[in-house]
Protein backbone atom coordinates (compact mmCIF):
# COMPACT_ATOMS: atom_id res chain seq x y z
CA LEU A 1 82.02 88.81 98.76
CA GLU A 2 83.13 85.15 98.70
CA VAL A 3 86.44 83.38 99.25
CA ASN A 4 87.13 79.72 98.52
CA GLU A 5 90.25 77.67 99.32
CA LEU A 6 92.40 80.80 99.68
CA LYS A 7 96.03 80.18 100.57
CA LYS A 8 99.01 82.48 100.99
CA SER A 9 102.48 81.61 102.30
CA PHE A 10 105.77 83.44 102.57
CA VAL A 11 109.31 82.09 102.34
CA SER A 12 111.87 83.23 104.92
CA PRO A 13 115.49 84.07 103.93
CA ASP A 14 116.58 80.61 105.08
CA GLY A 15 114.07 78.99 102.72
CA GLU A 16 111.44 77.98 105.25
CA ARG A 17 107.85 78.35 103.96
CA THR A 18 105.21 79.57 106.42
CA MET A 19 101.48 79.46 105.67
CA ILE A 20 100.01 82.84 106.59
CA VAL A 21 96.44 82.45 105.28
CA ASP A 22 94.57 79.18 104.81
CA VAL A 23 90.83 79.91 104.49
CA PRO A 24 88.66 77.23 102.86
CA ARG A 25 85.46 79.29 102.93
CA PHE A 26 84.53 82.88 103.80
CA ALA A 27 81.53 84.94 102.71
CA VAL A 28 79.94 88.28 103.56
CA ASP A 29 76.39 89.08 102.46
CA ASP A 30 75.80 92.36 100.66
CA ALA A 31 75.36 95.41 102.93
CA HIS A 32 76.62 93.47 105.97
CA GLN A 33 79.56 94.30 108.23
CA ILE A 34 82.06 91.71 109.45
CA ALA A 35 84.96 92.23 111.86
CA LEU A 36 88.08 90.07 111.65
CA GLN A 37 89.66 89.48 115.04
CA GLY A 38 92.78 87.67 116.21
CA SER A 39 96.15 88.20 117.82
CA SER A 40 99.06 89.90 116.06
CA GLY A 41 100.45 87.63 113.36
CA SER A 42 97.22 85.67 112.95
CA GLY A 43 96.92 86.65 109.27
CA LYS A 44 94.18 89.29 109.48
CA THR A 45 95.85 92.05 107.46
CA THR A 46 97.31 89.58 104.95
CA PHE A 47 93.81 88.21 104.41
CA LEU A 48 92.47 91.74 103.90
CA ASN A 49 95.28 92.56 101.46
CA LEU A 50 94.49 89.42 99.44
CA ILE A 51 90.88 90.54 99.08
CA ALA A 52 92.02 94.02 98.09
CA GLY A 53 94.47 92.69 95.50
CA ILE A 54 97.51 94.19 97.22
CA LEU A 55 98.83 90.64 97.55
CA LYS A 56 98.35 87.72 95.15
CA PRO A 57 97.20 84.39 96.61
CA ASP A 58 99.14 81.19 96.05
CA SER A 59 95.82 79.53 95.21
CA GLY A 60 92.09 79.93 95.68
CA ASP A 61 89.24 82.08 94.43
CA ILE A 62 87.94 85.52 95.40
CA SER A 63 84.56 86.59 94.05
CA LEU A 64 83.14 90.10 94.13
CA ALA A 65 79.51 90.70 93.19
CA GLY A 66 79.37 87.29 91.54
CA GLN A 67 82.55 87.69 89.48
CA ASN A 68 85.38 85.24 90.11
CA LEU A 69 88.50 87.40 89.93
CA SER A 70 90.79 84.43 89.27
CA LYS A 71 89.05 83.86 85.95
CA LEU A 72 89.68 87.42 84.74
CA SER A 73 92.78 88.92 83.18
CA GLU A 74 95.03 91.00 85.41
CA ALA A 75 93.61 94.15 83.82
CA GLY A 76 90.09 92.87 84.44
CA ARG A 77 90.84 92.14 88.09
CA ASP A 78 92.35 95.58 88.56
CA ARG A 79 89.30 97.21 86.95
CA ILE A 80 86.79 95.33 89.11
CA ARG A 81 88.72 96.06 92.29
CA ALA A 82 89.15 99.75 91.41
CA GLN A 83 85.43 100.07 90.78
CA SER A 84 84.30 97.98 93.75
CA ILE A 85 86.73 98.32 96.67
CA GLY A 86 87.64 101.18 98.97
CA TYR A 87 90.56 100.53 101.35
CA VAL A 88 91.15 102.35 104.63
CA PHE A 89 94.79 101.88 105.64
CA GLN A 90 95.83 101.49 109.25
CA ASN A 91 97.72 104.77 109.52
CA GLY A 92 95.70 106.72 106.96
CA ALA A 93 98.47 106.50 104.32
CA LEU A 94 97.95 110.12 103.31
CA PHE A 95 100.48 111.82 101.05
CA ASP A 96 102.17 114.55 103.09
CA SER A 97 102.94 116.69 100.01
CA MET A 98 99.26 116.83 99.01
CA ASN A 99 96.48 118.71 100.76
CA VAL A 100 93.31 116.93 101.89
CA PHE A 101 91.45 117.73 98.66
CA GLU A 102 94.18 116.13 96.55
CA ASN A 103 94.40 113.11 98.85
CA VAL A 104 90.67 112.45 98.72
CA ARG A 105 90.54 113.06 94.98
CA LEU A 106 92.92 110.12 94.51
CA GLY A 107 90.06 107.86 95.56
CA ILE A 108 88.04 108.78 92.46
CA THR A 109 88.84 105.80 90.24
CA ASN A 110 86.84 106.79 87.15
CA GLU A 111 89.33 108.62 84.90
CA ASP A 112 86.75 110.90 83.29
CA GLN A 113 85.41 111.94 86.67
CA PHE A 114 88.95 112.42 88.02
CA ARG A 115 89.69 114.88 85.20
CA ASP A 116 86.42 116.78 85.78
CA GLU A 117 87.40 119.53 88.20
CA ALA A 118 83.81 120.49 89.03
CA TYR A 119 82.87 116.88 89.78
CA CYS A 120 85.94 116.45 91.98
CA GLN A 121 85.17 119.59 93.97
CA GLU A 122 81.63 118.41 94.60
CA ARG A 123 82.59 114.79 95.32
CA VAL A 124 85.41 115.64 97.74
CA ALA A 125 83.16 118.08 99.62
CA ARG A 126 80.46 115.39 99.82
CA CYS A 127 82.89 112.75 101.12
CA LEU A 128 84.33 115.10 103.75
CA LYS A 129 80.81 115.91 104.91
CA LEU A 130 80.01 112.21 105.23
CA VAL A 131 82.89 111.81 107.70
CA ASN A 132 81.95 115.00 109.58
CA LEU A 133 84.79 117.21 108.35
CA THR A 134 84.23 120.83 107.38
CA PRO A 135 84.81 122.12 103.82
CA GLU A 136 87.80 124.13 105.10
CA THR A 137 89.58 120.86 105.89
CA ALA A 138 90.13 120.32 102.15
CA ARG A 139 92.80 123.04 102.13
CA LYS A 140 94.79 121.61 105.04
CA PHE A 141 97.78 119.27 104.79
CA PRO A 142 98.05 115.99 106.75
CA ALA A 143 100.61 117.49 109.16
CA GLN A 144 97.96 120.01 110.24
CA LEU A 145 95.45 117.33 111.21
CA SER A 146 94.96 115.34 114.39
CA GLY A 147 95.22 111.55 114.32
CA GLY A 148 91.45 111.18 114.34
CA MET A 149 91.05 113.65 111.47
CA ARG A 150 93.67 111.84 109.39
CA LYS A 151 91.73 108.60 109.89
CA ARG A 152 88.56 110.30 108.70
CA VAL A 153 90.31 111.71 105.64
CA GLY A 154 91.48 108.17 104.87
CA ILE A 155 87.88 106.97 105.05
CA SER A 156 86.76 109.90 102.90
CA ARG A 157 89.28 108.90 100.21
CA ALA A 158 88.14 105.26 100.39
CA ILE A 159 84.51 106.19 99.64
CA ALA A 160 85.31 108.79 96.95
CA GLY A 161 85.07 106.20 94.17
CA THR A 162 81.60 105.00 95.33
CA PRO A 163 82.78 101.44 96.17
CA LYS A 164 80.51 98.50 96.96
CA TYR A 165 82.98 97.13 99.52
CA LEU A 166 84.93 98.97 102.21
CA LEU A 167 87.97 97.27 103.74
CA TYR A 168 89.26 98.71 107.02
CA ASP A 169 92.68 97.83 108.45
CA GLU A 170 92.69 98.73 112.16
CA PRO A 171 90.66 101.96 111.71
CA THR A 172 90.83 102.87 115.41
CA SER A 173 94.44 101.90 116.22
CA GLY A 174 96.36 104.61 118.02
CA LEU A 175 93.23 106.62 118.86
CA ASP A 176 91.91 107.53 122.29
CA PRO A 177 88.54 106.03 123.34
CA VAL A 178 86.55 109.11 122.31
CA ASN A 179 87.98 109.20 118.79
CA SER A 180 87.68 105.41 118.54
CA ASP A 181 83.96 105.74 119.25
CA ILE A 182 83.69 108.45 116.57
CA ILE A 183 85.29 106.18 113.97
CA ASP A 184 83.08 103.25 115.01
CA GLU A 185 79.99 105.40 114.56
CA LEU A 186 81.27 106.51 111.16
CA VAL A 187 81.70 102.91 110.04
CA LYS A 188 78.12 102.17 111.09
CA SER A 189 76.62 105.31 109.56
CA LEU A 190 78.45 104.88 106.24
CA ALA A 191 77.25 101.29 106.00
CA ALA A 192 73.68 102.45 106.52
CA GLU A 193 73.84 105.52 104.27
CA LEU A 194 75.88 104.08 101.40
CA GLY A 195 74.72 100.46 101.59
CA VAL A 196 78.29 99.17 101.42
CA THR A 197 79.62 95.80 102.57
CA SER A 198 82.38 96.24 105.15
CA VAL A 199 85.24 93.99 106.26
CA MET A 200 87.12 95.41 109.25
CA VAL A 201 90.34 94.14 110.81
CA THR A 202 90.50 95.31 114.39
CA HIS A 203 92.03 94.54 117.79
CA ASP A 204 89.26 96.57 119.44
CA VAL A 205 86.86 93.90 120.69
CA ARG A 206 84.40 96.45 122.08
CA GLY A 207 84.29 98.33 118.79
CA ALA A 208 83.89 95.13 116.79
CA PHE A 209 80.87 94.12 118.84
CA ARG A 210 79.34 97.59 118.37
CA VAL A 211 79.87 97.82 114.63
CA ALA A 212 79.71 94.34 113.09
CA ASP A 213 76.78 92.09 112.16
CA ARG A 214 79.17 89.14 112.25
CA LEU A 215 82.62 88.35 113.64
CA ALA A 216 85.35 86.02 112.45
CA LEU A 217 88.26 84.85 114.61
CA LEU A 218 91.58 84.03 112.94
CA THR A 219 94.29 81.88 114.50
CA GLY A 220 97.36 80.82 112.55
CA GLY A 221 95.83 82.05 109.30
CA LYS A 222 92.69 79.96 109.73
CA ILE A 223 89.20 81.17 110.56
CA VAL A 224 88.35 79.08 113.61
CA GLN A 225 84.98 80.65 114.42
CA GLN A 226 82.37 82.83 112.71
CA GLY A 227 79.08 84.09 114.02
CA THR A 228 77.03 86.98 115.33
CA PRO A 229 78.19 89.03 118.31
CA LYS A 230 75.59 87.23 120.42
CA GLU A 231 76.96 83.84 119.35
CA PHE A 232 80.51 84.93 120.19
């Protein structure tokens, strides 16, 4: 995963333009885990959303697995991202009207596989097992789950499409220390078992040092330091 000269600004109602992300260079080696740290408003989630394609940059390049997304058509970018990226939203972002099975199934991005009921049953069960949830959980609705379980369902959905990259937006926010540790261990175990590359936005310094191979500190939309936990 590589980023070059990435810029994103927003215009306020009174016409004032504010630069939110200004990153000349950022790279994560395959199968490595990096944690993005910084105070609220430092641009962490915006940066993550640019990588995920939720937001469009003003300028700059994002490359996934050697493919420069800016040189592809919009359909091509959407296809690469759907095939390559799993996104874990801060609050789980589960659909209340769907049970856990249906929520996780939404993560299966291959249309043929999504229509294959037998494949979906097997894949959802596998993904729930990977995040230490029982098969019975598939029949429950989000309102019946604890905060920690909803987070794990969100992770299960993110890995359902067998992505190469997992993006986490504050995966432990709002959780008690015990559940935070559980999610941290999940992030580490999934990286090892699935061989994915992970980018995690987090305010949890302790968790970042436990999980990540490298850390990056953002201030005012700029990455002001990168390095290993030992270097930090």
